[in-house]
Amino acid sequence: MDHLPPLAALRVFDSVARHMSFTAAARELGMTQAGVSHHIRLLEDRLGSPLFLRKPGGIELTSFGARVTGPTHEAFDLLRAAFGPARERERLAISTLATLAGNWLSQRLGRFQAENPGLAVRLETSDHLVDFAREDLDVAIRMGDGNWPGLTAHQLFPVDFTPMLSPELIRRHGPLADPAQIVPLPWIDRDQPGWQIWLAAAGVVLSCDDPARPALTLGTQIHEARAAMAGEGVALLTPRFFRFELATGALVQPFPITATDGKAYWLVYPPARRHRPAIQAFRRFLLSELAADEGPGA
């Protein structure tokens, strides 16, 4: 315990590192900026190493500061969870991608809420990687390889994709009996690497003579699917997210071949939160829903 720096100074460091601003930290802590600077200098003297580089455009963490900021955030996260009011522990703020939220998660959250009536659930959609130290969020569902330093990550399901299009586009261009017949059709988000991955999985080799054609670029599957349903082209989509559209005939999946780029969807959160009942319940719920997706009649 003799080597532990003063808790007050660590609290100031945690705030400055989260905001990357002495001014914002002073505002959060109800201190003067001079007081914040004083605590940081005391902490740096105690540790024998600078924590921040002061530059004309702002501050940045030193290599030592970057090394200790994660454990410091985690320690204060544990303290907030232990001593925060009960109402703060009875909520779950979730961040995820728009397509997963709109076409898979949102229609299931009612069941989760019914199973956990004392829990206030909030869902946010965003494409950026969540910064748990600075954002008012408890968990996130991210797409990637699962390697996010300082976070616990549980794999949910792999990213897979296959071409889908509208019945009207098939009527205009004729039946699709061979994957190579996808090539001359208009592709939505043509430049995404998944097209080459799927064509290779389907055994289709593109000729050097295949001309580059203008294409819609929409950025998210939920928008790509809407364009495909409107007959604007062929979209590369994840079947799990568009089961309703496939079942009702709004979209057609002409070939059973799916491909993957090796990425997956992951439930992630800071390790200090791993014992929170709300997060444990949400993880169990997600795994149960995914198992039901794969069950008979799915």
Protein backbone atom coordinates (compact mmCIF):
# COMPACT_ATOMS: atom_id res chain seq x y z
CA MET A 1 0.00 0.00 0.00
CA ASP A 2 3.00 2.34 0.57
CA HIS A 3 3.58 2.46 -3.19
CA LEU A 4 0.01 3.41 -4.09
CA PRO A 5 -0.25 7.05 -5.24
CA PRO A 6 -2.83 9.32 -3.55
CA LEU A 7 -6.36 8.41 -4.60
CA ALA A 8 -7.26 12.07 -5.23
CA ALA A 9 -4.41 12.45 -7.71
CA LEU A 10 -5.34 9.21 -9.45
CA ARG A 11 -8.93 10.43 -9.77
CA VAL A 12 -7.69 13.61 -11.45
CA PHE A 13 -5.46 11.59 -13.79
CA ASP A 14 -8.40 9.32 -14.69
CA SER A 15 -10.52 12.33 -15.61
CA VAL A 16 -7.80 14.10 -17.62
CA ALA A 17 -6.97 10.89 -19.52
CA ARG A 18 -10.63 10.29 -20.35
CA HIS A 19 -11.21 13.81 -21.64
CA MET A 20 -7.65 14.52 -22.83
CA SER A 21 -8.24 17.98 -21.46
CA PHE A 22 -7.27 19.68 -18.20
CA THR A 23 -10.17 22.11 -18.64
CA ALA A 24 -12.79 19.37 -19.12
CA ALA A 25 -11.40 17.43 -16.15
CA ALA A 26 -11.59 20.54 -13.97
CA ARG A 27 -15.21 21.05 -15.00
CA GLU A 28 -16.08 17.39 -14.27
CA LEU A 29 -14.36 17.39 -10.89
CA GLY A 30 -15.47 20.85 -9.77
CA MET A 31 -11.87 22.06 -9.49
CA THR A 32 -9.84 24.87 -10.98
CA GLN A 33 -7.57 24.09 -13.91
CA ALA A 34 -4.62 25.07 -11.72
CA GLY A 35 -5.76 22.51 -9.15
CA VAL A 36 -5.91 19.79 -11.80
CA SER A 37 -2.40 20.70 -13.00
CA HIS A 38 -1.14 20.62 -9.42
CA HIS A 39 -2.48 17.08 -8.84
CA ILE A 40 -0.95 15.85 -12.10
CA ARG A 41 2.45 17.35 -11.21
CA LEU A 42 2.30 15.73 -7.78
CA LEU A 43 1.44 12.38 -9.35
CA GLU A 44 4.22 12.66 -11.93
CA ASP A 45 6.71 13.53 -9.17
CA ARG A 46 5.51 10.58 -7.10
CA LEU A 47 5.79 8.18 -10.06
CA GLY A 48 9.04 9.63 -11.36
CA SER A 49 7.75 9.83 -14.90
CA PRO A 50 5.69 12.29 -16.95
CA LEU A 51 2.12 11.22 -17.78
CA PHE A 52 1.29 13.80 -20.44
CA LEU A 53 3.11 15.69 -23.15
CA ARG A 54 2.07 19.34 -23.23
CA LYS A 55 1.82 20.61 -26.79
CA PRO A 56 0.48 23.85 -28.32
CA GLY A 57 -2.55 22.03 -29.71
CA GLY A 58 -3.36 20.17 -26.51
CA ILE A 59 -2.00 17.21 -24.56
CA GLU A 60 -1.27 13.57 -25.29
CA LEU A 61 -0.34 10.63 -23.11
CA THR A 62 3.28 9.60 -22.79
CA SER A 63 4.09 5.92 -23.28
CA PHE A 64 4.04 5.50 -19.50
CA GLY A 65 0.76 7.42 -19.25
CA ALA A 66 -0.78 5.22 -21.93
CA ARG A 67 0.35 2.11 -20.05
CA VAL A 68 -1.23 3.09 -16.74
CA THR A 69 -4.41 4.75 -17.99
CA GLY A 70 -6.18 1.44 -18.76
CA PRO A 71 -5.69 -0.07 -15.29
CA THR A 72 -6.61 3.28 -13.71
CA HIS A 73 -9.88 3.49 -15.67
CA GLU A 74 -10.65 -0.12 -14.76
CA ALA A 75 -10.01 0.49 -11.06
CA PHE A 76 -12.34 3.50 -10.98
CA ASP A 77 -14.90 1.58 -13.00
CA LEU A 78 -14.92 -1.05 -10.26
CA LEU A 79 -15.31 1.63 -7.60
CA ARG A 80 -18.18 3.30 -9.46
CA ALA A 81 -19.95 -0.03 -9.82
CA ALA A 82 -19.45 -0.87 -6.14
CA PHE A 83 -20.43 2.48 -4.65
CA GLY A 84 -22.76 3.95 -7.27
CA PRO A 85 -26.47 4.29 -6.47
CA ALA A 86 -28.61 1.23 -7.12
CA ARG A 87 -30.49 2.95 -9.94
CA GLU A 88 -27.22 3.21 -11.92
CA ARG A 89 -26.66 -0.52 -11.57
CA GLU A 90 -30.16 -1.28 -12.80
CA ARG A 91 -29.61 -0.13 -16.34
CA LEU A 92 -27.91 -1.42 -19.47
CA ALA A 93 -26.79 0.97 -22.21
CA ILE A 94 -25.94 -0.92 -25.41
CA SER A 95 -24.17 0.35 -28.53
CA THR A 96 -24.19 -1.55 -31.81
CA LEU A 97 -24.25 -1.16 -35.58
CA ALA A 98 -27.38 0.11 -37.30
CA THR A 99 -28.09 -3.04 -39.33
CA LEU A 100 -27.68 -5.41 -36.38
CA ALA A 101 -29.84 -3.14 -34.22
CA GLY A 102 -32.60 -2.63 -36.76
CA ASN A 103 -32.78 -6.10 -38.30
CA TRP A 104 -31.93 -8.39 -35.42
CA LEU A 105 -31.51 -6.97 -31.91
CA SER A 106 -34.33 -4.45 -31.57
CA GLN A 107 -37.11 -7.01 -32.10
CA ARG A 108 -35.61 -9.19 -29.37
CA LEU A 109 -35.01 -6.58 -26.68
CA GLY A 110 -38.66 -6.72 -25.61
CA ARG A 111 -38.14 -10.32 -24.50
CA PHE A 112 -34.97 -9.36 -22.66
CA GLN A 113 -36.82 -6.52 -20.91
CA ALA A 114 -39.66 -8.90 -19.96
CA GLU A 115 -37.15 -11.33 -18.46
CA ASN A 116 -35.46 -8.49 -16.55
CA PRO A 117 -38.28 -6.10 -15.56
CA GLY A 118 -36.13 -4.16 -13.11
CA LEU A 119 -33.59 -3.24 -15.76
CA ALA A 120 -33.74 -0.05 -17.84
CA VAL A 121 -32.40 -0.86 -21.33
CA ARG A 122 -31.13 1.76 -23.78
CA LEU A 123 -30.01 0.95 -27.33
CA GLU A 124 -27.81 3.28 -29.38
CA THR A 125 -26.51 2.80 -32.91
CA SER A 126 -23.10 3.94 -34.07
CA ASP A 127 -20.41 2.93 -36.54
CA HIS A 128 -17.50 4.17 -34.43
CA LEU A 129 -15.62 2.11 -31.87
CA VAL A 130 -16.97 2.84 -28.41
CA ASP A 131 -14.68 4.52 -25.89
CA PHE A 132 -16.04 3.13 -22.63
CA ALA A 133 -13.92 5.53 -20.57
CA ARG A 134 -15.60 8.58 -22.13
CA GLU A 135 -19.05 7.41 -23.26
CA ASP A 136 -22.06 6.57 -21.11
CA LEU A 137 -22.33 2.99 -22.37
CA ASP A 138 -22.12 -0.37 -20.63
CA VAL A 139 -21.59 -2.85 -23.47
CA ALA A 140 -21.19 -2.83 -27.24
CA ILE A 141 -21.58 -5.29 -30.08
CA ARG A 142 -18.71 -4.77 -32.50
CA MET A 143 -17.63 -6.33 -35.76
CA GLY A 144 -13.99 -7.33 -36.10
CA ASP A 145 -11.39 -9.90 -35.10
CA GLY A 146 -12.06 -9.68 -31.36
CA ASN A 147 -8.73 -8.03 -30.62
CA TRP A 148 -9.50 -4.85 -28.71
CA PRO A 149 -6.85 -4.28 -26.01
CA GLY A 150 -8.29 -3.63 -22.59
CA LEU A 151 -11.70 -5.11 -23.38
CA THR A 152 -13.35 -8.46 -22.74
CA ALA A 153 -14.77 -9.85 -26.00
CA HIS A 154 -17.19 -12.77 -26.46
CA GLN A 155 -17.76 -14.02 -30.00
CA LEU A 156 -21.44 -14.12 -31.01
CA PHE A 157 -21.56 -15.17 -34.67
CA PRO A 158 -19.38 -14.93 -37.78
CA VAL A 159 -19.81 -12.29 -40.46
CA ASP A 160 -21.13 -14.05 -43.57
CA PHE A 161 -22.61 -12.63 -46.75
CA THR A 162 -24.19 -13.57 -50.06
CA PRO A 163 -25.75 -11.66 -52.96
CA MET A 164 -29.43 -10.73 -52.72
CA LEU A 165 -31.69 -8.87 -55.13
CA SER A 166 -35.32 -8.08 -55.82
CA PRO A 167 -37.70 -10.34 -57.79
CA GLU A 168 -38.19 -7.41 -60.18
CA LEU A 169 -34.48 -7.32 -61.03
CA ILE A 170 -34.56 -11.05 -61.74
CA ARG A 171 -37.55 -10.55 -64.03
CA ARG A 172 -35.71 -7.81 -65.91
CA HIS A 173 -32.47 -9.74 -66.35
CA GLY A 174 -33.72 -13.32 -66.43
CA PRO A 175 -33.29 -16.32 -64.08
CA LEU A 176 -29.94 -16.78 -62.33
CA ALA A 177 -28.73 -20.36 -62.72
CA ASP A 178 -24.99 -19.79 -62.33
CA PRO A 179 -23.06 -17.52 -59.93
CA ALA A 180 -21.18 -16.03 -62.89
CA GLN A 181 -24.45 -14.44 -64.00
CA ILE A 182 -24.11 -12.04 -61.05
CA VAL A 183 -21.12 -10.35 -62.71
CA PRO A 184 -22.92 -8.25 -65.36
CA LEU A 185 -25.65 -7.10 -62.96
CA PRO A 186 -25.37 -3.74 -61.14
CA TRP A 187 -23.72 -4.22 -57.75
CA ILE A 188 -24.46 -2.04 -54.75
CA ASP A 189 -21.30 -0.98 -52.89
CA ARG A 190 -19.24 -2.58 -55.64
CA ASP A 191 -15.88 -1.67 -54.09
CA GLN A 192 -16.32 -3.59 -50.86
CA PRO A 193 -13.84 -6.52 -50.62
CA GLY A 194 -16.62 -8.99 -49.82
CA TRP A 195 -17.57 -9.19 -53.49
CA GLN A 196 -14.21 -10.69 -54.46
CA ILE A 197 -14.38 -13.06 -51.48
CA TRP A 198 -17.85 -14.30 -52.41
CA LEU A 199 -17.02 -14.68 -56.12
CA ALA A 200 -13.94 -16.73 -55.22
CA ALA A 201 -16.03 -18.94 -52.91
CA ALA A 202 -18.51 -19.42 -55.76
CA GLY A 203 -15.73 -20.33 -58.19
CA VAL A 204 -16.20 -17.25 -60.36
CA VAL A 205 -13.08 -15.75 -61.92
CA LEU A 206 -13.40 -12.16 -63.07
CA SER A 207 -11.90 -11.38 -66.46
CA CYS A 208 -9.50 -8.47 -66.82
CA ASP A 209 -11.89 -7.26 -69.51
CA ASP A 210 -14.75 -6.84 -67.03
CA PRO A 211 -15.37 -3.09 -67.10
CA ALA A 212 -15.51 -1.01 -63.95
CA ARG A 213 -19.02 0.36 -63.68
CA PRO A 214 -20.44 3.17 -61.56
CA ALA A 215 -22.28 1.83 -58.53
CA LEU A 216 -24.25 2.99 -55.52
CA THR A 217 -22.19 3.28 -52.34
CA LEU A 218 -24.42 3.27 -49.28
CA GLY A 219 -22.16 2.06 -46.48
CA THR A 220 -24.48 -0.08 -44.35
CA GLN A 221 -26.37 -3.28 -45.08
CA ILE A 222 -29.70 -1.84 -43.99
CA HIS A 223 -29.46 0.84 -46.70
CA GLU A 224 -28.04 -1.56 -49.26
CA ALA A 225 -30.95 -3.94 -48.69
CA ARG A 226 -33.50 -1.18 -49.20
CA ALA A 227 -31.84 -0.21 -52.48
CA ALA A 228 -31.82 -3.86 -53.56
CA MET A 229 -35.52 -4.24 -52.73
CA ALA A 230 -36.18 -1.18 -54.89
CA GLY A 231 -34.53 -2.97 -57.81
CA GLU A 232 -31.42 -0.76 -57.85
CA GLY A 233 -28.98 -3.67 -57.96
CA VAL A 234 -27.53 -6.68 -56.17
CA ALA A 235 -26.48 -6.23 -52.54
CA LEU A 236 -24.05 -8.34 -50.55
CA LEU A 237 -25.97 -9.07 -47.34
CA THR A 238 -25.87 -11.21 -44.20
CA PRO A 239 -28.77 -13.74 -44.36
CA ARG A 240 -29.34 -13.65 -40.58
CA PHE A 241 -30.36 -10.00 -40.81
CA PHE A 242 -32.81 -10.37 -43.68
CA ARG A 243 -34.80 -13.51 -42.93
CA PHE A 244 -38.10 -11.64 -42.97
CA GLU A 245 -37.38 -10.03 -46.34
CA LEU A 246 -36.35 -13.41 -47.76
CA ALA A 247 -39.41 -15.15 -46.29
CA THR A 248 -41.81 -12.56 -47.70
CA GLY A 249 -40.14 -12.47 -51.11
CA ALA A 250 -39.01 -8.85 -50.88
CA LEU A 251 -35.48 -10.14 -51.41
CA VAL A 252 -34.22 -13.23 -53.21
CA GLN A 253 -31.04 -15.14 -52.36
CA PRO A 254 -30.31 -16.83 -55.70
CA PHE A 255 -27.49 -19.09 -54.49
CA PRO A 256 -26.95 -21.00 -51.21
CA ILE A 257 -23.27 -20.06 -51.19
CA THR A 258 -22.20 -17.75 -48.36
CA ALA A 259 -18.71 -16.45 -47.71
CA THR A 260 -16.91 -14.90 -44.76
CA ASP A 261 -14.00 -12.52 -44.38
CA GLY A 262 -12.94 -14.08 -41.08
CA LYS A 263 -14.53 -11.38 -38.93
CA ALA A 264 -17.32 -11.85 -36.41
CA TYR A 265 -19.70 -9.93 -34.19
CA TRP A 266 -18.56 -9.69 -30.57
CA LEU A 267 -20.05 -8.59 -27.27
CA VAL A 268 -17.45 -6.34 -25.63
CA TYR A 269 -17.10 -4.46 -22.35
CA PRO A 270 -14.37 -3.43 -19.88
CA PRO A 271 -13.12 -6.37 -17.78
CA ALA A 272 -14.07 -4.58 -14.55
CA ARG A 273 -17.74 -4.99 -15.50
CA ARG A 274 -17.61 -8.74 -16.04
CA HIS A 275 -19.49 -9.52 -12.81
CA ARG A 276 -22.32 -7.03 -13.36
CA PRO A 277 -25.60 -9.00 -13.30
CA ALA A 278 -27.08 -6.95 -16.16
CA ILE A 279 -24.16 -7.72 -18.46
CA GLN A 280 -24.13 -11.40 -17.51
CA ALA A 281 -27.88 -11.59 -18.17
CA PHE A 282 -27.52 -9.85 -21.54
CA ARG A 283 -24.78 -12.22 -22.65
CA ARG A 284 -26.86 -15.27 -21.69
CA PHE A 285 -29.83 -13.79 -23.54
CA LEU A 286 -27.82 -13.18 -26.72
CA LEU A 287 -26.46 -16.72 -26.72
CA SER A 288 -29.98 -18.10 -26.18
CA GLU A 289 -31.37 -16.05 -29.08
CA LEU A 290 -28.54 -17.14 -31.36
CA ALA A 291 -29.12 -20.78 -30.43
CA ALA A 292 -32.82 -20.34 -31.27
CA ASP A 293 -31.81 -18.87 -34.64
CA GLU A 294 -30.00 -22.09 -35.45
CA GLY A 295 -32.69 -24.42 -34.07
CA PRO A 296 -35.33 -26.43 -35.95
CA GLY A 297 -37.56 -24.28 -38.09
CA ALA A 298 -35.14 -21.34 -37.99
